[in-house]
Amino acid sequence: MSAGVNCCARPRGCSGPARARAAGERGAAMSMATAAEYALLLTSPGPQPPAAPRLGKLSARERELVTQVAQGRTDAQIAADLYISVRTVRTHLDRIRDKTDCRRRADLTRLALQAGLL
């Protein structure tokens, strides 16, 4: 064992094996760009802009889509999970982008993280 490495340290935010496993699964599902944005968000020293005002404009269904995007799911996976068409998912995402000014999936992921949707 190398000096200075604490193999028993728990990752920030984990409270047990089930949560750690779930976090690992969410991480594995993320695209590289989303994972990089998430890492930057977690390590950013500055204050984060408030997410609540932008989320307040969204319906419950739109929040559900933002959460699924933040979990790294594709449009097709979201459509199958919500029993809607891929085109409907894309229409929802277009409206969400208009309401939140989030243009990329990584921006939506950041918004979800800041709002505590994950």
Protein backbone atom coordinates (compact mmCIF):
# COMPACT_ATOMS: atom_id res chain seq x y z
CA MET A 1 0.00 0.00 0.00
CA SER A 2 1.41 3.40 -0.94
CA ALA A 3 1.86 6.13 1.62
CA GLY A 4 -0.86 8.75 1.79
CA VAL A 5 -3.59 6.57 0.27
CA ASN A 6 -6.54 5.86 2.49
CA CYS A 7 -8.21 2.81 0.98
CA CYS A 8 -11.02 3.02 3.53
CA ALA A 9 -12.04 6.57 2.64
CA ARG A 10 -15.57 6.82 1.31
CA PRO A 11 -16.36 8.91 -1.77
CA ARG A 12 -18.04 12.22 -1.13
CA GLY A 13 -21.82 11.81 -0.96
CA CYS A 14 -21.86 8.01 -0.65
CA SER A 15 -23.62 6.53 2.34
CA GLY A 16 -23.36 2.86 1.53
CA PRO A 17 -22.76 0.20 -1.07
CA ALA A 18 -26.15 0.60 -2.77
CA ARG A 19 -25.71 4.34 -3.31
CA ALA A 20 -22.14 3.84 -4.48
CA ARG A 21 -23.28 1.18 -6.96
CA ALA A 22 -26.09 3.45 -8.22
CA ALA A 23 -23.65 6.34 -8.62
CA GLY A 24 -21.29 4.08 -10.53
CA GLU A 25 -24.08 3.00 -12.86
CA ARG A 26 -25.06 6.63 -13.53
CA GLY A 27 -21.44 7.46 -14.21
CA ALA A 28 -21.04 4.55 -16.61
CA ALA A 29 -24.12 5.71 -18.52
CA MET A 30 -22.78 9.25 -18.97
CA SER A 31 -21.15 10.37 -22.17
CA MET A 32 -17.58 11.60 -21.90
CA ALA A 33 -18.73 15.22 -22.31
CA THR A 34 -21.36 14.87 -19.58
CA ALA A 35 -18.88 13.18 -17.24
CA ALA A 36 -16.36 15.98 -17.83
CA GLU A 37 -19.01 18.64 -17.10
CA TYR A 38 -20.01 16.78 -13.94
CA ALA A 39 -16.40 16.56 -12.77
CA LEU A 40 -15.92 20.28 -13.39
CA LEU A 41 -19.11 21.06 -11.53
CA LEU A 42 -18.02 19.02 -8.51
CA THR A 43 -14.57 20.56 -8.39
CA SER A 44 -15.58 24.14 -9.15
CA PRO A 45 -14.59 26.40 -6.22
CA GLY A 46 -16.88 29.28 -7.17
CA PRO A 47 -20.55 29.74 -6.31
CA GLN A 48 -23.00 28.12 -8.70
CA PRO A 49 -25.81 30.12 -10.32
CA PRO A 50 -29.23 29.32 -8.89
CA ALA A 51 -31.00 26.59 -10.84
CA ALA A 52 -34.40 26.88 -9.18
CA PRO A 53 -35.71 29.86 -11.21
CA ARG A 54 -35.01 28.07 -14.50
CA LEU A 55 -36.53 24.81 -13.25
CA GLY A 56 -39.61 26.61 -11.98
CA LYS A 57 -40.64 27.15 -15.59
CA LEU A 58 -40.70 23.41 -16.29
CA SER A 59 -43.62 21.03 -15.96
CA ALA A 60 -43.29 17.82 -13.95
CA ARG A 61 -42.89 15.84 -17.20
CA GLU A 62 -40.15 18.20 -18.41
CA ARG A 63 -38.32 17.81 -15.09
CA GLU A 64 -38.57 14.05 -15.54
CA LEU A 65 -36.91 14.35 -18.95
CA VAL A 66 -34.15 16.60 -17.56
CA THR A 67 -33.47 13.99 -14.88
CA GLN A 68 -33.23 11.21 -17.44
CA VAL A 69 -30.93 13.27 -19.68
CA ALA A 70 -28.73 13.94 -16.65
CA GLN A 71 -28.57 10.19 -16.02
CA GLY A 72 -27.00 9.81 -19.46
CA ARG A 73 -29.98 8.21 -21.18
CA THR A 74 -30.46 8.57 -24.93
CA ASP A 75 -33.59 9.95 -26.55
CA ALA A 76 -34.59 6.41 -27.56
CA GLN A 77 -34.12 5.11 -24.00
CA ILE A 78 -36.17 7.99 -22.58
CA ALA A 79 -38.93 7.37 -25.14
CA ALA A 80 -39.11 3.68 -24.28
CA ASP A 81 -39.14 4.38 -20.54
CA LEU A 82 -41.90 7.02 -20.76
CA TYR A 83 -43.94 5.21 -23.47
CA ILE A 84 -43.69 8.14 -25.90
CA SER A 85 -42.09 8.52 -29.33
CA VAL A 86 -38.53 9.69 -29.87
CA ARG A 87 -39.96 12.68 -31.74
CA THR A 88 -42.01 13.62 -28.65
CA VAL A 89 -38.87 13.38 -26.50
CA ARG A 90 -37.07 15.72 -28.90
CA THR A 91 -40.00 18.14 -28.88
CA HIS A 92 -39.97 18.16 -25.06
CA LEU A 93 -36.20 18.73 -25.06
CA ASP A 94 -36.56 21.63 -27.51
CA ARG A 95 -39.12 23.28 -25.23
CA ILE A 96 -36.95 22.60 -22.18
CA ARG A 97 -33.98 24.22 -23.93
CA ASP A 98 -36.10 27.25 -24.80
CA LYS A 99 -37.29 27.63 -21.20
CA THR A 100 -33.91 27.07 -19.54
CA ASP A 101 -31.44 28.46 -22.12
CA CYS A 102 -29.57 25.16 -21.84
CA ARG A 103 -28.46 24.25 -25.35
CA ARG A 104 -26.45 21.07 -24.72
CA ARG A 105 -27.21 17.89 -22.82
CA ALA A 106 -24.26 18.70 -20.57
CA ASP A 107 -25.94 22.02 -19.69
CA LEU A 108 -29.13 20.18 -18.78
CA THR A 109 -27.07 17.78 -16.67
CA ARG A 110 -25.48 20.70 -14.83
CA LEU A 111 -28.92 22.20 -14.25
CA ALA A 112 -30.22 18.89 -12.83
CA LEU A 113 -27.22 18.55 -10.54
CA GLN A 114 -27.54 22.11 -9.25
CA ALA A 115 -31.26 21.63 -8.62
CA GLY A 116 -30.74 18.32 -6.81
CA LEU A 117 -32.75 16.26 -9.29
CA LEU A 118 -30.17 13.44 -9.14
